[in-house]
């Protein structure tokens, strides 16, 4: 994972240049997250769609996915190269020029969302591997300079952060001084998910970060699940598989991704 420039830090949660040999063709799961996902493949287009929605599967030279509560499926030939970014909800406004809510549940190409960045996939294809992350970061910095930093509502950002950390909807409403109903309207208008969905995806994301490093029962307890069975049910619903399957099939890929080219 490459360091993110300070000017991009509020808008880009992660930026990873990857070159991963998976050994054999297969299907990689794209899991729900509290950030939007921008993928720029190199060498071969990305073959991706929502799980259980065959009509959504397409090959793309870029993919922008809004917040969602279901998994995507990436079909690969055993080798994946490119750059992947996690954009914060306010990052959608700053870098793509639209609220994250307009992308919720969507999977689009970059040119459809941010026409000024439509040439980025071509530029990336011609870029040396060790400069790919830098190229993308510079393009985003230029876009930020063109658009200007958006005027963020501090209470909405605080609400999303609280829900992601696991605070209850009532606790967050009390913290920002809104009724639960008004909070729900603001959160959905900003990111496209309800407060309960943001909290659920945040809890799922925290559990994913601990899987493979701690016993499942401990992960379930620390992340706020009733028990290990509750954790497993949520994983089947949000990831399309129980955590034990993800650990066997996907965890090695995440370890390789962590060692990908910076």
Protein backbone atom coordinates (compact mmCIF):
# COMPACT_ATOMS: atom_id res chain seq x y z
CA UNK A 1 0.00 0.00 0.00
CA UNK A 2 1.49 3.32 -1.07
CA UNK A 3 1.56 6.35 1.26
CA UNK A 4 -1.18 8.85 0.49
CA UNK A 5 -0.21 12.49 -0.01
CA UNK A 6 -1.45 14.71 2.86
CA UNK A 7 -3.66 16.70 0.48
CA UNK A 8 -5.42 13.46 -0.56
CA UNK A 9 -5.66 11.92 2.92
CA UNK A 10 -9.25 13.09 3.64
CA UNK A 11 -10.40 11.64 0.33
CA UNK A 12 -8.31 8.51 -0.31
CA UNK A 13 -8.32 5.89 2.45
CA UNK A 14 -5.99 3.51 0.58
CA UNK A 15 -3.96 3.36 -2.62
CA UNK A 16 -2.40 0.03 -3.63
CA UNK A 17 -0.39 -0.85 -6.71
CA UNK A 18 -0.62 -4.63 -7.08
CA UNK A 19 1.00 -7.32 -9.19
CA UNK A 20 -0.19 -10.65 -7.85
CA UNK A 21 0.28 -14.17 -9.21
CA UNK A 22 -2.65 -16.25 -7.96
CA UNK A 23 -1.39 -19.47 -9.50
CA UNK A 24 -4.52 -20.43 -11.41
CA UNK A 25 -7.70 -18.91 -12.85
CA UNK A 26 -10.47 -18.28 -10.36
CA UNK A 27 -12.90 -15.83 -8.81
CA UNK A 28 -11.92 -13.22 -6.25
CA UNK A 29 -14.56 -11.67 -3.98
CA UNK A 30 -14.89 -7.91 -3.75
CA UNK A 31 -16.34 -7.38 -0.29
CA UNK A 32 -18.53 -4.60 1.10
CA UNK A 33 -16.57 -1.71 2.56
CA UNK A 34 -17.10 1.72 4.10
CA UNK A 35 -15.14 3.22 1.18
CA UNK A 36 -15.90 3.41 -2.52
CA UNK A 37 -13.65 1.25 -4.70
CA UNK A 38 -11.78 2.43 -7.79
CA UNK A 39 -9.87 -0.24 -9.69
CA UNK A 40 -7.56 0.48 -12.63
CA UNK A 41 -6.33 -2.83 -14.11
CA UNK A 42 -3.17 -3.11 -16.19
CA UNK A 43 -2.51 -5.70 -18.90
CA UNK A 44 -6.00 -7.18 -19.03
CA UNK A 45 -9.39 -5.60 -18.37
CA UNK A 46 -11.23 -6.33 -15.15
CA UNK A 47 -13.92 -9.01 -15.52
CA UNK A 48 -16.29 -8.07 -12.72
CA UNK A 49 -19.95 -8.07 -11.70
CA UNK A 50 -22.19 -8.33 -8.68
CA UNK A 51 -22.59 -11.81 -7.21
CA UNK A 52 -25.93 -13.30 -8.21
CA UNK A 53 -26.54 -10.67 -10.93
CA UNK A 54 -25.17 -12.16 -14.17
CA UNK A 55 -26.31 -9.16 -16.22
CA UNK A 56 -23.94 -6.89 -14.27
CA UNK A 57 -20.82 -8.80 -15.35
CA UNK A 58 -18.66 -6.90 -17.84
CA UNK A 59 -15.00 -6.47 -18.76
CA UNK A 60 -13.84 -2.97 -17.92
CA UNK A 61 -10.58 -1.01 -18.06
CA UNK A 62 -11.72 0.82 -14.95
CA UNK A 63 -14.32 0.15 -12.29
CA UNK A 64 -15.88 2.56 -9.81
CA UNK A 65 -18.11 0.93 -7.19
CA UNK A 66 -20.20 2.83 -4.69
CA UNK A 67 -20.95 1.67 -1.16
CA UNK A 68 -22.83 -1.61 -1.19
CA UNK A 69 -23.93 -4.43 1.09
CA UNK A 70 -23.27 -7.36 -1.26
CA UNK A 71 -20.14 -8.90 -2.77
CA UNK A 72 -18.74 -8.42 -6.23
CA UNK A 73 -17.03 -11.22 -8.17
CA UNK A 74 -13.78 -10.62 -10.07
CA UNK A 75 -12.99 -13.37 -12.57
CA UNK A 76 -9.27 -13.66 -13.28
CA UNK A 77 -6.81 -15.79 -15.26
CA UNK A 78 -4.44 -16.25 -12.33
CA UNK A 79 -2.59 -12.94 -12.56
CA UNK A 80 -3.82 -9.48 -11.59
CA UNK A 81 -2.03 -6.15 -12.03
CA UNK A 82 -3.14 -2.58 -11.53
CA UNK A 83 -3.96 0.05 -8.95
CA UNK A 84 -6.83 -0.05 -6.46
CA UNK A 85 -8.07 2.83 -4.33
CA UNK A 86 -10.52 3.18 -1.49
CA UNK A 87 -12.26 6.57 -1.64
CA UNK A 88 -14.00 8.08 1.36
CA UNK A 89 -17.57 9.36 0.86
CA UNK A 90 -16.31 12.95 0.82
CA UNK A 91 -13.66 11.76 -1.64
CA UNK A 92 -16.43 11.04 -4.14
CA UNK A 93 -17.36 14.71 -4.08
CA UNK A 94 -13.75 15.93 -4.16
CA UNK A 95 -12.36 13.64 -6.87
CA UNK A 96 -15.36 12.44 -8.87
CA UNK A 97 -17.57 15.50 -8.52
CA UNK A 98 -20.69 13.81 -7.17
CA UNK A 99 -22.01 12.54 -3.84
CA UNK A 100 -21.27 8.95 -2.91
CA UNK A 101 -25.01 8.33 -2.73
CA UNK A 102 -25.26 8.59 -6.54
CA UNK A 103 -22.89 5.61 -6.84
CA UNK A 104 -24.39 3.43 -4.12
CA UNK A 105 -24.84 -0.10 -5.44
CA UNK A 106 -23.46 0.92 -8.84
CA UNK A 107 -20.50 -0.41 -10.78
CA UNK A 108 -19.42 2.00 -13.53
CA UNK A 109 -16.42 2.90 -15.66
CA UNK A 110 -14.33 5.91 -14.73
CA UNK A 111 -15.26 7.80 -17.92
CA UNK A 112 -18.94 7.59 -16.96
CA UNK A 113 -18.29 9.12 -13.56
CA UNK A 114 -15.34 11.50 -14.01
CA UNK A 115 -14.78 12.34 -17.71
CA UNK A 116 -11.67 14.40 -16.93
CA UNK A 117 -9.98 11.19 -15.69
CA UNK A 118 -11.06 9.04 -18.65
CA UNK A 119 -7.50 8.80 -20.04
CA UNK A 120 -6.02 7.55 -16.77
CA UNK A 121 -6.28 3.82 -17.69
CA UNK A 122 -4.34 4.44 -20.94
CA UNK A 123 -1.67 6.46 -19.15
CA UNK A 124 -1.36 3.75 -16.53
CA UNK A 125 -0.85 1.07 -19.19
CA UNK A 126 2.20 2.95 -20.49
CA UNK A 127 3.65 3.63 -17.04
CA UNK A 128 6.52 1.63 -15.46
CA UNK A 129 5.27 -0.64 -12.68
CA UNK A 130 7.13 1.20 -9.92
CA UNK A 131 5.53 4.54 -10.88
CA UNK A 132 1.89 3.46 -11.19
CA UNK A 133 0.83 4.57 -7.72
CA UNK A 134 2.60 7.91 -8.21
CA UNK A 135 0.90 8.47 -11.56
CA UNK A 136 -2.56 7.87 -10.08
CA UNK A 137 -1.87 10.06 -7.06
CA UNK A 138 -0.70 12.93 -9.27
CA UNK A 139 -3.80 12.64 -11.45
CA UNK A 140 -6.01 12.82 -8.38
CA UNK A 141 -4.09 15.79 -6.98
CA UNK A 142 -4.61 17.60 -10.28
CA UNK A 143 -8.32 16.77 -10.18
CA UNK A 144 -8.56 18.02 -6.60
CA UNK A 145 -6.84 21.28 -7.58
CA UNK A 146 -9.27 21.69 -10.48
CA UNK A 147 -12.40 21.03 -8.44
CA UNK A 148 -11.33 22.52 -5.11
CA UNK A 149 -11.93 20.87 -1.75
CA UNK A 150 -15.67 20.36 -1.17
CA UNK A 151 -17.39 22.00 1.76
CA UNK A 152 -17.97 19.02 4.02
CA UNK A 153 -20.66 19.03 6.71
CA UNK A 154 -18.71 18.19 9.83
CA UNK A 155 -21.68 16.54 11.54
CA UNK A 156 -22.23 14.15 8.64
CA UNK A 157 -18.58 13.11 8.63
CA UNK A 158 -18.69 12.64 12.40
CA UNK A 159 -21.86 10.57 12.10
CA UNK A 160 -20.37 8.28 9.43
CA UNK A 161 -17.19 7.84 11.49
CA UNK A 162 -19.20 6.96 14.60
CA UNK A 163 -21.38 4.44 12.79
CA UNK A 164 -18.33 2.84 11.16
CA UNK A 165 -16.69 2.44 14.58
CA UNK A 166 -19.80 0.67 15.87
CA UNK A 167 -21.68 3.35 17.81
CA UNK A 168 -25.43 2.81 17.85
CA UNK A 169 -27.68 4.95 15.69
CA UNK A 170 -29.11 6.59 18.81
CA UNK A 171 -25.65 7.34 20.18
CA UNK A 172 -24.64 8.96 16.90
CA UNK A 173 -27.89 10.93 16.68
CA UNK A 174 -27.32 12.24 20.20
CA UNK A 175 -23.70 13.09 19.39
CA UNK A 176 -24.55 15.23 16.36
CA UNK A 177 -27.73 16.64 17.90
CA UNK A 178 -30.23 15.28 15.36
CA UNK A 179 -33.27 13.06 15.59
CA UNK A 180 -32.80 9.51 14.32
CA UNK A 181 -35.04 10.35 11.36
CA UNK A 182 -33.07 13.44 10.37
CA UNK A 183 -29.81 11.55 10.81
CA UNK A 184 -31.07 8.79 8.52
CA UNK A 185 -31.98 11.35 5.84
CA UNK A 186 -28.54 13.01 5.97
CA UNK A 187 -26.57 9.75 5.97
CA UNK A 188 -28.53 8.26 3.10
CA UNK A 189 -28.27 11.49 1.11
CA UNK A 190 -24.48 11.47 1.55
CA UNK A 191 -23.55 7.82 1.00
CA UNK A 192 -26.66 5.96 -0.20
CA UNK A 193 -26.88 3.58 2.77
CA UNK A 194 -29.02 3.84 5.89
CA UNK A 195 -27.27 4.43 9.23
CA UNK A 196 -27.98 0.81 10.15
CA UNK A 197 -26.36 -0.40 6.91
CA UNK A 198 -23.29 1.80 7.45
CA UNK A 199 -22.94 0.39 10.97
CA UNK A 200 -23.37 -3.17 9.69
CA UNK A 201 -20.79 -2.79 6.92
CA UNK A 202 -18.39 -1.10 9.36
CA UNK A 203 -18.68 -4.03 11.77
CA UNK A 204 -18.13 -6.47 8.90
CA UNK A 205 -15.08 -4.50 7.77
CA UNK A 206 -13.59 -4.57 11.27
CA UNK A 207 -14.10 -8.33 11.46
CA UNK A 208 -12.41 -8.84 8.10
CA UNK A 209 -9.34 -6.98 9.35
CA UNK A 210 -9.00 -9.46 12.22
CA UNK A 211 -9.74 -12.72 10.43
CA UNK A 212 -6.74 -15.03 10.15
CA UNK A 213 -5.05 -13.31 13.05
CA UNK A 214 -7.36 -14.17 15.97
CA UNK A 215 -9.83 -16.96 16.81
CA UNK A 216 -13.26 -16.45 15.27
CA UNK A 217 -14.98 -16.33 18.65
CA UNK A 218 -12.67 -13.51 19.77
CA UNK A 219 -13.28 -11.61 16.51
CA UNK A 220 -17.03 -11.95 16.95
CA UNK A 221 -16.86 -10.65 20.53
CA UNK A 222 -14.57 -7.72 19.78
CA UNK A 223 -16.54 -6.58 16.73
CA UNK A 224 -19.92 -6.59 18.44
CA UNK A 225 -21.53 -9.77 17.13
CA UNK A 226 -23.73 -11.77 19.48
CA UNK A 227 -21.57 -14.86 18.98
CA UNK A 228 -19.54 -16.72 16.35
CA UNK A 229 -22.70 -18.05 14.69
CA UNK A 230 -23.95 -14.47 14.26
CA UNK A 231 -20.61 -13.52 12.69
CA UNK A 232 -20.89 -16.43 10.25
CA UNK A 233 -24.46 -15.54 9.24
CA UNK A 234 -23.48 -11.95 8.53
CA UNK A 235 -20.53 -13.10 6.43
CA UNK A 236 -22.72 -15.40 4.35
CA UNK A 237 -25.11 -12.50 3.76
CA UNK A 238 -22.51 -9.81 3.00
CA UNK A 239 -19.64 -11.82 1.51
CA UNK A 240 -21.48 -14.78 0.00
CA UNK A 241 -19.52 -17.26 2.12
CA UNK A 242 -18.73 -18.01 5.78
CA UNK A 243 -15.50 -16.59 7.21
CA UNK A 244 -13.85 -20.01 7.21
CA UNK A 245 -14.29 -20.25 3.42
CA UNK A 246 -12.94 -16.73 2.93
CA UNK A 247 -9.90 -17.55 5.05
CA UNK A 248 -9.16 -20.64 2.97
CA UNK A 249 -9.77 -19.10 -0.46
CA UNK A 250 -9.13 -15.37 -0.13
CA UNK A 251 -6.79 -14.70 2.79
CA UNK A 252 -3.67 -15.79 0.85
CA UNK A 253 -4.61 -13.28 -1.87
CA UNK A 254 -4.87 -10.47 0.71
CA UNK A 255 -1.47 -11.40 2.11
CA UNK A 256 0.01 -11.23 -1.41
CA UNK A 257 -1.74 -7.91 -2.01
CA UNK A 258 -0.15 -6.55 1.14
CA UNK A 259 3.25 -7.38 -0.35
CA UNK A 260 2.40 -5.91 -3.77
CA UNK A 261 4.57 -3.32 -5.46
CA UNK A 262 4.38 0.07 -3.64
